[in-house]
N, C-alpha and C. Protein backbone atom coordinates (compact mmCIF):
# COMPACT_ATOMS: atom_id res chain seq x y z
N UNK A 1 0.91 -1.27 0.21
CA UNK A 1 -0.13 0.22 -0.13
C UNK A 1 0.85 1.10 0.06
N UNK A 2 2.04 1.37 0.56
CA UNK A 2 2.88 2.67 0.40
C UNK A 2 3.01 3.11 -0.85
N UNK A 3 3.12 2.05 -2.02
CA UNK A 3 3.47 2.49 -3.03
C UNK A 3 2.33 3.31 -3.70
N UNK A 4 1.13 2.72 -3.38
CA UNK A 4 -0.02 3.33 -3.99
C UNK A 4 -0.38 4.80 -3.53
N UNK A 5 0.31 5.10 -2.28
CA UNK A 5 0.19 6.59 -1.62
C UNK A 5 1.15 7.23 -2.54
N UNK A 6 2.32 6.88 -2.71
CA UNK A 6 3.22 7.72 -3.41
C UNK A 6 2.55 7.88 -4.92
N UNK A 7 2.20 6.95 -5.53
CA UNK A 7 1.71 7.14 -6.78
C UNK A 7 0.29 8.30 -6.64
N UNK A 8 -0.49 8.09 -5.84
CA UNK A 8 -1.75 9.15 -5.63
C UNK A 8 -1.16 10.52 -5.27
N UNK A 9 -0.17 10.51 -4.30
CA UNK A 9 0.49 11.90 -4.05
C UNK A 9 1.04 12.26 -5.40
N UNK A 10 1.66 11.77 -6.28
CA UNK A 10 2.46 12.21 -7.59
C UNK A 10 1.38 12.51 -8.39
N UNK A 11 0.41 11.85 -8.51
CA UNK A 11 -0.92 12.27 -9.67
C UNK A 11 -1.52 13.42 -9.06
N UNK A 12 -1.66 13.72 -7.83
CA UNK A 12 -2.34 14.85 -7.14
C UNK A 12 -1.42 16.38 -7.45
N UNK A 13 -0.16 15.85 -7.28
CA UNK A 13 0.90 16.87 -7.68
C UNK A 13 0.83 17.43 -9.10
N UNK A 14 0.94 16.42 -9.96
CA UNK A 14 0.70 16.43 -11.27
C UNK A 14 -0.21 17.26 -11.79
N UNK A 15 -1.43 16.55 -11.40
CA UNK A 15 -2.68 17.55 -11.66
C UNK A 15 -2.81 18.80 -11.34
N UNK A 16 -1.89 19.26 -10.23
CA UNK A 16 -1.95 20.77 -9.88
C UNK A 16 -1.28 21.50 -10.58
N UNK A 17 0.11 20.90 -10.81
CA UNK A 17 1.06 21.65 -11.77
C UNK A 17 0.38 21.86 -13.10
N UNK A 18 -0.35 21.01 -13.62
CA UNK A 18 -1.00 21.01 -15.04
C UNK A 18 -2.36 21.85 -14.75
N UNK A 19 -2.72 22.21 -13.76
CA UNK A 19 -3.94 23.23 -13.71
C UNK A 19 -5.34 22.41 -13.98
N UNK A 20 -5.25 20.91 -13.59
CA UNK A 20 -6.32 20.04 -13.86
C UNK A 20 -7.02 19.71 -12.58
N UNK A 21 -8.02 20.22 -12.17
CA UNK A 21 -8.77 19.87 -10.93
C UNK A 21 -9.00 18.70 -10.58
N UNK A 22 -9.61 17.84 -11.38
CA UNK A 22 -10.04 16.51 -11.00
C UNK A 22 -9.41 15.56 -12.05
N UNK A 23 -9.32 14.15 -11.68
CA UNK A 23 -8.69 13.11 -12.35
C UNK A 23 -8.33 12.06 -11.60
N UNK A 24 -8.27 10.78 -11.97
CA UNK A 24 -7.79 9.66 -11.27
C UNK A 24 -6.88 8.82 -12.11
N UNK A 25 -6.44 7.62 -11.58
CA UNK A 25 -5.59 6.73 -12.56
C UNK A 25 -6.52 6.01 -13.31
N UNK A 26 -7.76 5.94 -12.95
CA UNK A 26 -9.00 5.18 -13.59
C UNK A 26 -9.22 5.76 -14.70
N UNK A 27 -9.12 7.47 -14.49
CA UNK A 27 -9.67 8.17 -16.04
C UNK A 27 -8.44 8.25 -16.99
N UNK A 28 -7.30 8.19 -16.35
CA UNK A 28 -6.27 8.09 -17.17
C UNK A 28 -6.21 6.57 -18.29
N UNK A 29 -6.71 5.69 -17.56
CA UNK A 29 -6.76 4.34 -18.08
C UNK A 29 -7.45 4.46 -19.26
N UNK A 30 -8.87 4.98 -19.01
CA UNK A 30 -9.90 5.23 -20.13
C UNK A 30 -9.29 6.06 -21.34
N UNK A 31 -8.50 7.06 -20.92
CA UNK A 31 -7.94 8.11 -21.80
C UNK A 31 -6.89 7.34 -22.63
N UNK A 32 -5.99 6.70 -22.17
CA UNK A 32 -4.95 5.74 -22.70
C UNK A 32 -5.50 4.84 -23.76
N UNK A 33 -6.54 4.07 -23.33
CA UNK A 33 -7.21 3.04 -24.21
C UNK A 33 -7.78 3.77 -25.38
N UNK A 34 -8.52 4.60 -25.01
CA UNK A 34 -9.42 5.33 -25.93
C UNK A 34 -8.50 5.97 -27.18
N UNK A 35 -7.38 6.88 -26.75
CA UNK A 35 -6.51 7.38 -27.70
C UNK A 35 -5.77 6.27 -28.29
N UNK A 36 -5.15 5.45 -27.91
CA UNK A 36 -4.51 4.35 -28.76
C UNK A 36 -5.23 3.67 -29.39
N UNK A 37 -6.42 3.51 -29.25
CA UNK A 37 -7.54 2.92 -30.40
C UNK A 37 -7.66 3.91 -31.46
N UNK A 38 -8.18 5.11 -31.03
CA UNK A 38 -8.25 6.01 -31.86
C UNK A 38 -7.40 6.51 -32.92
N UNK A 39 -6.05 6.27 -32.46
CA UNK A 39 -4.77 6.88 -33.19
C UNK A 39 -4.10 5.50 -34.14
N UNK A 40 -5.26 4.34 -34.22
CA UNK A 40 -5.14 3.28 -35.03
C UNK A 40 -4.19 2.38 -34.54
N UNK A 41 -4.01 1.92 -33.34
CA UNK A 41 -3.43 0.97 -32.59
C UNK A 41 -4.36 -0.06 -32.80
N UNK A 42 -4.16 -1.43 -32.69
CA UNK A 42 -5.11 -2.69 -33.24
C UNK A 42 -5.67 -2.87 -31.89
N UNK A 43 -6.73 -3.05 -31.77
CA UNK A 43 -7.75 -3.34 -30.43
C UNK A 43 -6.93 -4.16 -29.66
N UNK A 44 -6.43 -5.55 -30.26
CA UNK A 44 -6.09 -6.55 -29.52
C UNK A 44 -4.73 -6.36 -28.87
N UNK A 45 -4.12 -5.42 -29.46
CA UNK A 45 -2.68 -4.78 -28.80
C UNK A 45 -2.99 -3.85 -27.57
N UNK A 46 -3.84 -3.13 -27.68
CA UNK A 46 -4.47 -2.17 -26.65
C UNK A 46 -5.07 -2.93 -25.56
N UNK A 47 -5.76 -3.89 -25.90
CA UNK A 47 -6.00 -4.98 -24.77
C UNK A 47 -4.99 -5.54 -24.10
N UNK A 48 -4.15 -6.07 -24.98
CA UNK A 48 -3.11 -6.70 -24.05
C UNK A 48 -2.10 -5.62 -23.04
N UNK A 49 -1.80 -4.37 -23.76
CA UNK A 49 -1.20 -3.46 -23.01
C UNK A 49 -2.04 -3.16 -21.53
N UNK A 50 -3.37 -3.08 -21.96
CA UNK A 50 -4.32 -3.14 -20.71
C UNK A 50 -4.22 -4.19 -19.70
N UNK A 51 -3.86 -5.20 -20.23
CA UNK A 51 -3.71 -6.59 -19.10
C UNK A 51 -5.18 -7.14 -19.03
N UNK A 52 -5.91 -6.73 -20.29
CA UNK A 52 -7.28 -7.61 -20.19
C UNK A 52 -7.40 -8.90 -20.94
N UNK A 53 -7.73 -9.83 -20.27
CA UNK A 53 -7.77 -11.14 -20.75
C UNK A 53 -9.06 -11.28 -21.88
N UNK A 54 -10.18 -10.30 -21.81
CA UNK A 54 -10.98 -10.48 -22.51
C UNK A 54 -11.27 -9.17 -23.54
N UNK A 55 -11.57 -9.36 -24.86
CA UNK A 55 -11.35 -8.07 -25.55
C UNK A 55 -12.51 -7.17 -25.11
N UNK A 56 -13.70 -8.10 -24.61
CA UNK A 56 -15.17 -7.36 -24.15
C UNK A 56 -14.62 -6.07 -23.11
N UNK A 57 -13.97 -6.50 -22.38
CA UNK A 57 -13.40 -5.65 -21.11
C UNK A 57 -12.80 -4.37 -21.78
N UNK A 58 -11.81 -4.54 -22.58
CA UNK A 58 -11.57 -3.31 -23.31
C UNK A 58 -12.39 -2.66 -24.02
N UNK A 59 -13.17 -3.14 -24.63
CA UNK A 59 -14.54 -2.34 -25.50
C UNK A 59 -15.24 -1.37 -24.64
N UNK A 60 -15.31 -1.92 -23.38
CA UNK A 60 -15.92 -1.18 -22.27
C UNK A 60 -15.37 0.31 -21.87
N UNK A 61 -13.88 0.10 -22.03
CA UNK A 61 -13.00 1.09 -21.60
C UNK A 61 -13.22 2.16 -23.20
N UNK A 62 -13.26 1.79 -23.87
CA UNK A 62 -12.95 2.40 -25.18
C UNK A 62 -14.20 3.59 -25.80
N UNK A 63 -13.82 4.64 -25.91
CA UNK A 63 -14.41 5.77 -26.51
C UNK A 63 -14.01 6.09 -27.86
N UNK A 64 -14.87 5.68 -28.85
CA UNK A 64 -14.15 6.02 -30.07
C UNK A 64 -14.65 7.59 -30.44
N UNK A 65 -13.78 8.05 -31.33
CA UNK A 65 -14.10 9.43 -31.86
C UNK A 65 -14.35 9.12 -33.49
């Protein structure tokens, strides 16, 4: 758990420095998956990077433009 605390403190500091009021690691995960897929990365590769064993899980995260 100590590493989680460090990550959350670091994320909070990064948001503050960037002038972003809200955001979580989970929202970053959604953003990464969506942007990777929208930029032409094969969905199976995005799914692998996300650590999903089922493609349907990746599709739940995906927000296609």
